[in-house]
Amino acid sequence: MSQNTDEMSSQSELAYSANSGQGNGGVPSPSSLPIKLISAAVGLFGVSGILYSVGFLILRSHYSFLGIWAGGSQSATEITEEGGRFFYHLLYLPVAPLARLQWKVVVALLLLGLLWDARRKLTTWLGAWRRRFAKRSTESRIPESGRFRRAAPTLILVLLLVVSVVLLETVWRVTEFRNVLQAPENLPEALKSAPARAGLYYQILGRVLLCGLIAWLGLRFFWPMAEKAQRGLVIAQCVLTLAACSLVPVAYGRLILPAKFRPIQHSSAPSEKLFLVGQTNDALVIWNSVLKQTELLPYTDKDRVVIGSAVDLLE
């Protein structure tokens, strides 16, 4: 009898370990979907492929923002390095303030540990409150209480979706900034300086992060008990968040990459106000600030080119 009991307990442990991290029917938990999507992307494209794609998107966005044609072919290494700098900037952004706080970091970590411990008690309290609320709703004599209880998750999800759309309006607006060197009126006066553009970029990062948190809450708390319409709202929230995440490199190229270029003096155009953008095998890609156009300036090893200090063209 004891042998059979041991066999049954071992089988139950194996079944539990096989289904750990999964929901009903062996389906992965919705809260683990972001990690699985990132792992799938890395496995499909590789780290270098992701860095190259992000770097290409950043540079295209940067030149489209300025209105400069980057005719100079850039190597895959340069594009990949730009993608790497983007992810380094994302990691450095939250770490840099902590490095300057010194002793305050310890206090913040202690508070974080206390909040993490309190999260368990809060989850237990919320679960008990929800069960008590559901019991009172079923026992209530008012027939509308059941309808309200069923409609409440839908109303909450609609409200969160509307909040996300409003938060991400700034992200869509940034993509409309283009050709600012040809038409300076396309860029608001408040964003002419580099610190102002950087501040807007950090604001966009915060809004995208907040929308990602809303999407995670929808997957974690609403998805397991949601109906079809409610799951549609959760999926819409996730799609909206993914679209906003894909536009973060676009915002980085427009708002963070410097609009600084070096003035040059070439023997074939001594009186022109030219700025070096890039180069090909036999020509310089330059920006003519007087005519407001991109030009190719042929050159050879015998041509004398004087290159000055970098100048911000937006200030």
Protein backbone atom coordinates (compact mmCIF):
# COMPACT_ATOMS: atom_id res chain seq x y z
CA MET A 1 0.00 0.00 0.00
CA SER A 2 2.80 2.44 0.89
CA GLN A 3 4.61 1.51 -2.34
CA ASN A 4 1.55 2.43 -4.42
CA THR A 5 1.25 5.71 -2.53
CA ASP A 6 4.90 6.55 -3.24
CA GLU A 7 4.44 5.75 -6.93
CA MET A 8 1.35 7.97 -7.15
CA SER A 9 3.14 10.86 -5.40
CA SER A 10 6.18 10.54 -7.69
CA GLN A 11 3.92 10.55 -10.76
CA SER A 12 2.11 13.65 -9.50
CA GLU A 13 5.46 15.39 -8.93
CA LEU A 14 6.54 14.55 -12.48
CA ALA A 15 3.28 15.86 -13.86
CA TYR A 16 3.62 19.05 -11.87
CA SER A 17 7.21 19.60 -13.02
CA ALA A 18 6.18 18.97 -16.65
CA ASN A 19 3.42 21.53 -16.42
CA SER A 20 5.27 24.11 -14.34
CA GLY A 21 5.10 27.57 -15.89
CA GLN A 22 2.10 26.49 -17.97
CA GLY A 23 -1.56 27.12 -17.75
CA ASN A 24 -4.46 24.82 -18.38
CA GLY A 25 -3.87 22.08 -20.91
CA GLY A 26 -0.10 22.68 -21.04
CA VAL A 27 -0.52 26.09 -22.62
CA PRO A 28 2.26 28.56 -21.70
CA SER A 29 1.28 31.24 -19.24
CA PRO A 30 0.36 34.53 -20.96
CA SER A 31 2.64 36.45 -18.59
CA SER A 32 5.66 34.60 -20.05
CA LEU A 33 4.81 35.51 -23.64
CA PRO A 34 7.12 38.59 -23.83
CA ILE A 35 10.13 36.48 -22.79
CA LYS A 36 9.20 33.77 -25.26
CA LEU A 37 8.81 36.34 -28.06
CA ILE A 38 12.26 37.82 -27.33
CA SER A 39 13.82 34.34 -27.24
CA ALA A 40 12.14 33.44 -30.53
CA ALA A 41 13.36 36.66 -32.19
CA VAL A 42 16.94 36.07 -31.03
CA GLY A 43 16.79 32.44 -32.19
CA LEU A 44 15.35 33.39 -35.59
CA PHE A 45 17.47 36.42 -36.51
CA GLY A 46 20.44 36.13 -34.18
CA VAL A 47 21.94 38.95 -32.14
CA SER A 48 23.83 40.42 -35.10
CA GLY A 49 20.69 40.38 -37.26
CA ILE A 50 18.69 42.23 -34.62
CA LEU A 51 21.45 44.82 -34.11
CA TYR A 52 21.76 45.35 -37.87
CA SER A 53 17.99 45.77 -38.31
CA VAL A 54 17.74 48.24 -35.44
CA GLY A 55 20.80 50.18 -36.61
CA PHE A 56 19.48 50.40 -40.17
CA LEU A 57 16.13 51.66 -38.89
CA ILE A 58 17.85 54.26 -36.69
CA LEU A 59 20.02 55.65 -39.48
CA ARG A 60 17.17 55.76 -42.01
CA SER A 61 15.05 57.59 -39.46
CA HIS A 62 17.87 60.03 -38.70
CA TYR A 63 18.49 61.02 -42.31
CA SER A 64 14.77 61.18 -43.06
CA PHE A 65 14.35 63.48 -40.08
CA LEU A 66 17.06 65.82 -41.32
CA GLY A 67 16.09 65.56 -44.98
CA ILE A 68 19.59 64.48 -46.00
CA TRP A 69 20.16 61.82 -48.61
CA ALA A 70 22.83 59.48 -47.24
CA GLY A 71 24.14 58.32 -50.59
CA GLY A 72 27.33 56.99 -49.07
CA SER A 73 27.04 53.25 -48.66
CA GLN A 74 27.62 52.32 -45.03
CA SER A 75 29.20 49.06 -44.06
CA ALA A 76 27.30 46.39 -42.19
CA THR A 77 29.70 46.88 -39.27
CA GLU A 78 28.79 50.56 -38.89
CA ILE A 79 25.06 49.79 -39.03
CA THR A 80 25.42 46.98 -36.47
CA GLU A 81 27.45 49.24 -34.17
CA GLU A 82 24.68 51.83 -34.29
CA GLY A 83 22.19 49.18 -33.20
CA GLY A 84 24.53 48.19 -30.38
CA ARG A 85 24.79 51.79 -29.21
CA PHE A 86 21.00 51.98 -29.09
CA PHE A 87 20.72 49.00 -26.73
CA TYR A 88 23.66 50.24 -24.68
CA HIS A 89 21.83 53.54 -24.28
CA LEU A 90 18.72 51.69 -23.10
CA LEU A 91 20.74 49.82 -20.48
CA TYR A 92 22.79 52.84 -19.43
CA LEU A 93 19.73 55.05 -18.98
CA PRO A 94 18.43 53.45 -15.76
CA VAL A 95 21.89 52.54 -14.41
CA ALA A 96 23.52 55.98 -14.71
CA PRO A 97 21.33 57.73 -12.10
CA LEU A 98 21.86 54.87 -9.67
CA ALA A 99 25.64 55.16 -10.03
CA ARG A 100 25.50 58.82 -9.02
CA LEU A 101 23.24 58.30 -5.99
CA GLN A 102 25.78 56.22 -3.99
CA TRP A 103 24.26 55.53 -0.55
CA LYS A 104 20.76 56.25 -1.79
CA VAL A 105 21.03 53.17 -3.99
CA VAL A 106 21.22 50.96 -0.91
CA VAL A 107 18.11 52.58 0.54
CA ALA A 108 16.29 52.17 -2.77
CA LEU A 109 17.22 48.48 -2.96
CA LEU A 110 16.03 47.93 0.60
CA LEU A 111 12.73 49.62 -0.18
CA LEU A 112 12.43 47.51 -3.32
CA GLY A 113 12.94 44.36 -1.26
CA LEU A 114 10.27 45.43 1.21
CA LEU A 115 7.85 46.21 -1.61
CA TRP A 116 8.56 42.84 -3.21
CA ASP A 117 7.74 41.10 0.07
CA ALA A 118 4.62 43.23 0.47
CA ARG A 119 3.56 42.25 -3.04
CA ARG A 120 2.88 38.70 -1.88
CA LYS A 121 0.71 39.87 0.97
CA LEU A 122 -1.08 42.29 -1.34
CA THR A 123 -1.75 39.50 -3.85
CA THR A 124 -3.18 37.31 -1.08
CA TRP A 125 -5.33 40.18 0.19
CA LEU A 126 -6.61 40.99 -3.30
CA GLY A 127 -7.44 37.33 -3.91
CA ALA A 128 -9.41 37.12 -0.69
CA TRP A 129 -11.18 40.41 -1.45
CA ARG A 130 -12.10 39.22 -4.93
CA ARG A 131 -13.53 35.96 -3.61
CA ARG A 132 -15.50 37.84 -0.96
CA PHE A 133 -16.79 40.29 -3.55
CA ALA A 134 -17.82 37.48 -5.89
CA LYS A 135 -19.63 35.70 -3.07
CA ARG A 136 -21.55 38.83 -2.11
CA SER A 137 -22.44 39.48 -5.73
CA THR A 138 -23.91 36.01 -6.18
CA GLU A 139 -25.83 36.21 -2.94
CA SER A 140 -27.15 39.70 -3.59
CA ARG A 141 -30.81 40.10 -4.43
CA ILE A 142 -30.12 42.87 -6.95
CA PRO A 143 -30.05 41.21 -10.40
CA GLU A 144 -27.93 43.99 -11.94
CA SER A 145 -24.96 43.14 -9.71
CA GLY A 146 -24.11 40.08 -11.79
CA ARG A 147 -24.23 42.13 -14.97
CA PHE A 148 -21.98 44.76 -13.47
CA ARG A 149 -19.52 42.13 -12.31
CA ARG A 150 -19.35 40.68 -15.82
CA ALA A 151 -19.05 44.08 -17.49
CA ALA A 152 -16.46 45.53 -15.09
CA PRO A 153 -13.41 43.79 -16.68
CA THR A 154 -14.50 44.96 -20.14
CA LEU A 155 -14.87 48.54 -18.96
CA ILE A 156 -11.47 48.43 -17.28
CA LEU A 157 -9.78 47.03 -20.41
CA VAL A 158 -11.42 49.65 -22.63
CA LEU A 159 -10.30 52.40 -20.25
CA LEU A 160 -6.72 51.07 -20.20
CA LEU A 161 -6.68 50.85 -24.00
CA VAL A 162 -7.86 54.45 -24.31
CA VAL A 163 -5.21 55.56 -21.80
CA SER A 164 -2.53 53.77 -23.84
CA VAL A 165 -3.64 55.44 -27.08
CA VAL A 166 -3.46 58.85 -25.42
CA LEU A 167 -0.02 58.10 -23.93
CA LEU A 168 1.40 56.95 -27.26
CA GLU A 169 0.11 59.92 -29.22
CA THR A 170 3.52 61.57 -28.74
CA VAL A 171 5.25 58.57 -30.32
CA TRP A 172 3.18 58.82 -33.50
CA ARG A 173 3.72 62.58 -33.62
CA VAL A 174 7.51 62.22 -33.55
CA THR A 175 7.43 60.10 -36.71
CA GLU A 176 5.96 63.09 -38.55
CA PHE A 177 9.09 65.19 -38.02
CA ARG A 178 11.03 65.06 -41.30
CA ASN A 179 13.08 67.21 -43.68
CA VAL A 180 13.72 69.71 -40.89
CA LEU A 181 16.85 71.12 -42.54
CA GLN A 182 14.95 71.88 -45.74
CA ALA A 183 11.85 73.12 -43.91
CA PRO A 184 12.74 74.23 -40.35
CA GLU A 185 9.08 74.94 -39.61
CA ASN A 186 8.48 71.16 -39.57
CA LEU A 187 10.21 71.01 -36.18
CA PRO A 188 8.69 72.87 -33.21
CA GLU A 189 10.83 75.65 -31.86
CA ALA A 190 10.94 73.96 -28.45
CA LEU A 191 12.80 70.98 -29.97
CA LYS A 192 15.56 72.92 -31.69
CA SER A 193 18.06 72.17 -28.93
CA ALA A 194 19.57 68.74 -28.30
CA PRO A 195 18.61 68.62 -24.55
CA ALA A 196 14.98 69.33 -25.42
CA ARG A 197 14.92 66.51 -27.97
CA ALA A 198 16.57 64.16 -25.47
CA GLY A 199 13.95 65.06 -22.86
CA LEU A 200 11.18 64.19 -25.31
CA TYR A 201 12.86 60.86 -26.06
CA TYR A 202 13.02 59.96 -22.36
CA GLN A 203 9.37 60.89 -22.05
CA ILE A 204 8.55 58.55 -24.94
CA LEU A 205 10.49 55.73 -23.28
CA GLY A 206 8.51 56.20 -20.07
CA ARG A 207 5.20 56.15 -21.92
CA VAL A 208 6.09 53.01 -23.88
CA LEU A 209 7.21 51.33 -20.65
CA LEU A 210 3.94 52.26 -18.98
CA CYS A 211 1.94 50.83 -21.89
CA GLY A 212 4.03 47.66 -21.69
CA LEU A 213 3.15 47.39 -18.00
CA ILE A 214 -0.55 47.77 -18.87
CA ALA A 215 -0.24 45.00 -21.47
CA TRP A 216 1.49 42.74 -18.95
CA LEU A 217 -1.25 43.36 -16.37
CA GLY A 218 -3.85 42.48 -18.98
CA LEU A 219 -2.11 39.21 -19.78
CA ARG A 220 -1.42 38.39 -16.15
CA PHE A 221 -4.73 39.19 -14.46
CA PHE A 222 -7.43 39.45 -17.14
CA TRP A 223 -6.49 36.88 -19.79
CA PRO A 224 -7.01 33.66 -17.73
CA MET A 225 -10.64 34.54 -16.87
CA ALA A 226 -11.48 36.75 -19.87
CA GLU A 227 -14.20 36.17 -22.42
CA LYS A 228 -13.70 36.47 -26.18
CA ALA A 229 -14.40 40.20 -26.35
CA GLN A 230 -12.15 40.87 -23.37
CA ARG A 231 -9.33 38.81 -24.86
CA GLY A 232 -9.69 40.86 -28.04
CA LEU A 233 -9.08 44.00 -25.99
CA VAL A 234 -6.01 42.43 -24.37
CA ILE A 235 -4.66 41.45 -27.80
CA ALA A 236 -5.30 44.99 -29.08
CA GLN A 237 -3.34 46.36 -26.11
CA CYS A 238 -0.43 44.01 -26.84
CA VAL A 239 -0.40 44.88 -30.56
CA LEU A 240 -0.44 48.59 -29.71
CA THR A 241 2.47 48.14 -27.30
CA LEU A 242 4.51 46.14 -29.85
CA ALA A 243 3.92 48.84 -32.47
CA ALA A 244 5.10 51.50 -30.02
CA CYS A 245 8.20 49.44 -29.15
CA SER A 246 9.09 49.13 -32.84
CA LEU A 247 8.99 52.94 -33.11
CA VAL A 248 11.42 53.53 -30.24
CA PRO A 249 14.45 53.17 -32.58
CA VAL A 250 12.75 55.64 -34.95
CA ALA A 251 12.42 58.14 -32.11
CA TYR A 252 16.04 57.46 -31.13
CA GLY A 253 17.24 58.28 -34.64
CA ARG A 254 15.21 61.48 -34.75
CA LEU A 255 15.76 62.79 -31.22
CA ILE A 256 19.03 61.37 -29.87
CA LEU A 257 21.45 61.09 -32.79
CA PRO A 258 23.26 64.42 -33.06
CA ALA A 259 22.64 66.73 -35.99
CA LYS A 260 26.28 67.77 -35.96
CA PHE A 261 28.32 67.77 -39.16
CA ARG A 262 31.78 69.10 -39.98
CA PRO A 263 32.11 72.01 -42.39
CA ILE A 264 34.51 71.47 -45.27
CA GLN A 265 36.32 73.63 -47.77
CA HIS A 266 36.99 72.12 -51.17
CA SER A 267 39.05 73.62 -53.94
CA SER A 268 36.23 73.18 -56.47
CA ALA A 269 33.72 75.08 -54.29
CA PRO A 270 35.63 77.53 -52.12
CA SER A 271 32.72 79.90 -51.47
CA GLU A 272 30.03 77.31 -50.70
CA LYS A 273 28.89 76.52 -47.16
CA LEU A 274 29.25 72.75 -47.18
CA PHE A 275 29.01 70.10 -44.46
CA LEU A 276 30.38 66.59 -44.71
CA VAL A 277 27.73 63.86 -44.39
CA GLY A 278 29.59 60.81 -45.72
CA GLN A 279 31.63 59.60 -48.62
CA THR A 280 31.78 57.03 -51.40
CA ASN A 281 34.82 55.64 -53.17
CA ASP A 282 35.17 58.67 -55.44
CA ALA A 283 32.94 61.40 -54.01
CA LEU A 284 32.03 63.25 -50.84
CA VAL A 285 28.39 63.30 -49.72
CA ILE A 286 27.84 66.87 -48.54
CA TRP A 287 25.01 69.08 -47.36
CA ASN A 288 24.78 72.49 -48.98
CA SER A 289 23.22 74.64 -46.27
CA VAL A 290 22.67 77.57 -48.68
CA LEU A 291 20.80 75.63 -51.35
CA LYS A 292 19.42 73.19 -48.72
CA GLN A 293 20.20 70.09 -50.70
CA THR A 294 22.45 67.04 -50.64
CA GLU A 295 25.23 66.98 -53.21
CA LEU A 296 27.94 64.63 -54.40
CA LEU A 297 31.31 66.33 -54.65
CA PRO A 298 33.83 64.30 -56.70
CA TYR A 299 37.32 64.21 -55.32
CA THR A 300 40.64 62.48 -55.81
CA ASP A 301 43.67 62.00 -53.62
CA LYS A 302 45.17 65.16 -55.08
CA ASP A 303 42.25 67.39 -54.01
CA ARG A 304 42.76 69.47 -50.89
CA VAL A 305 39.89 69.29 -48.40
CA VAL A 306 39.84 71.29 -45.16
CA ILE A 307 37.57 69.86 -42.45
CA GLY A 308 36.48 72.02 -39.51
CA SER A 309 34.89 71.37 -36.12
CA ALA A 310 31.42 69.84 -35.93
CA VAL A 311 28.46 72.25 -35.96
CA ASP A 312 24.90 71.55 -34.88
CA LEU A 313 22.72 72.40 -37.89
CA LEU A 314 19.51 72.60 -35.87
CA GLU A 315 20.63 75.26 -33.41
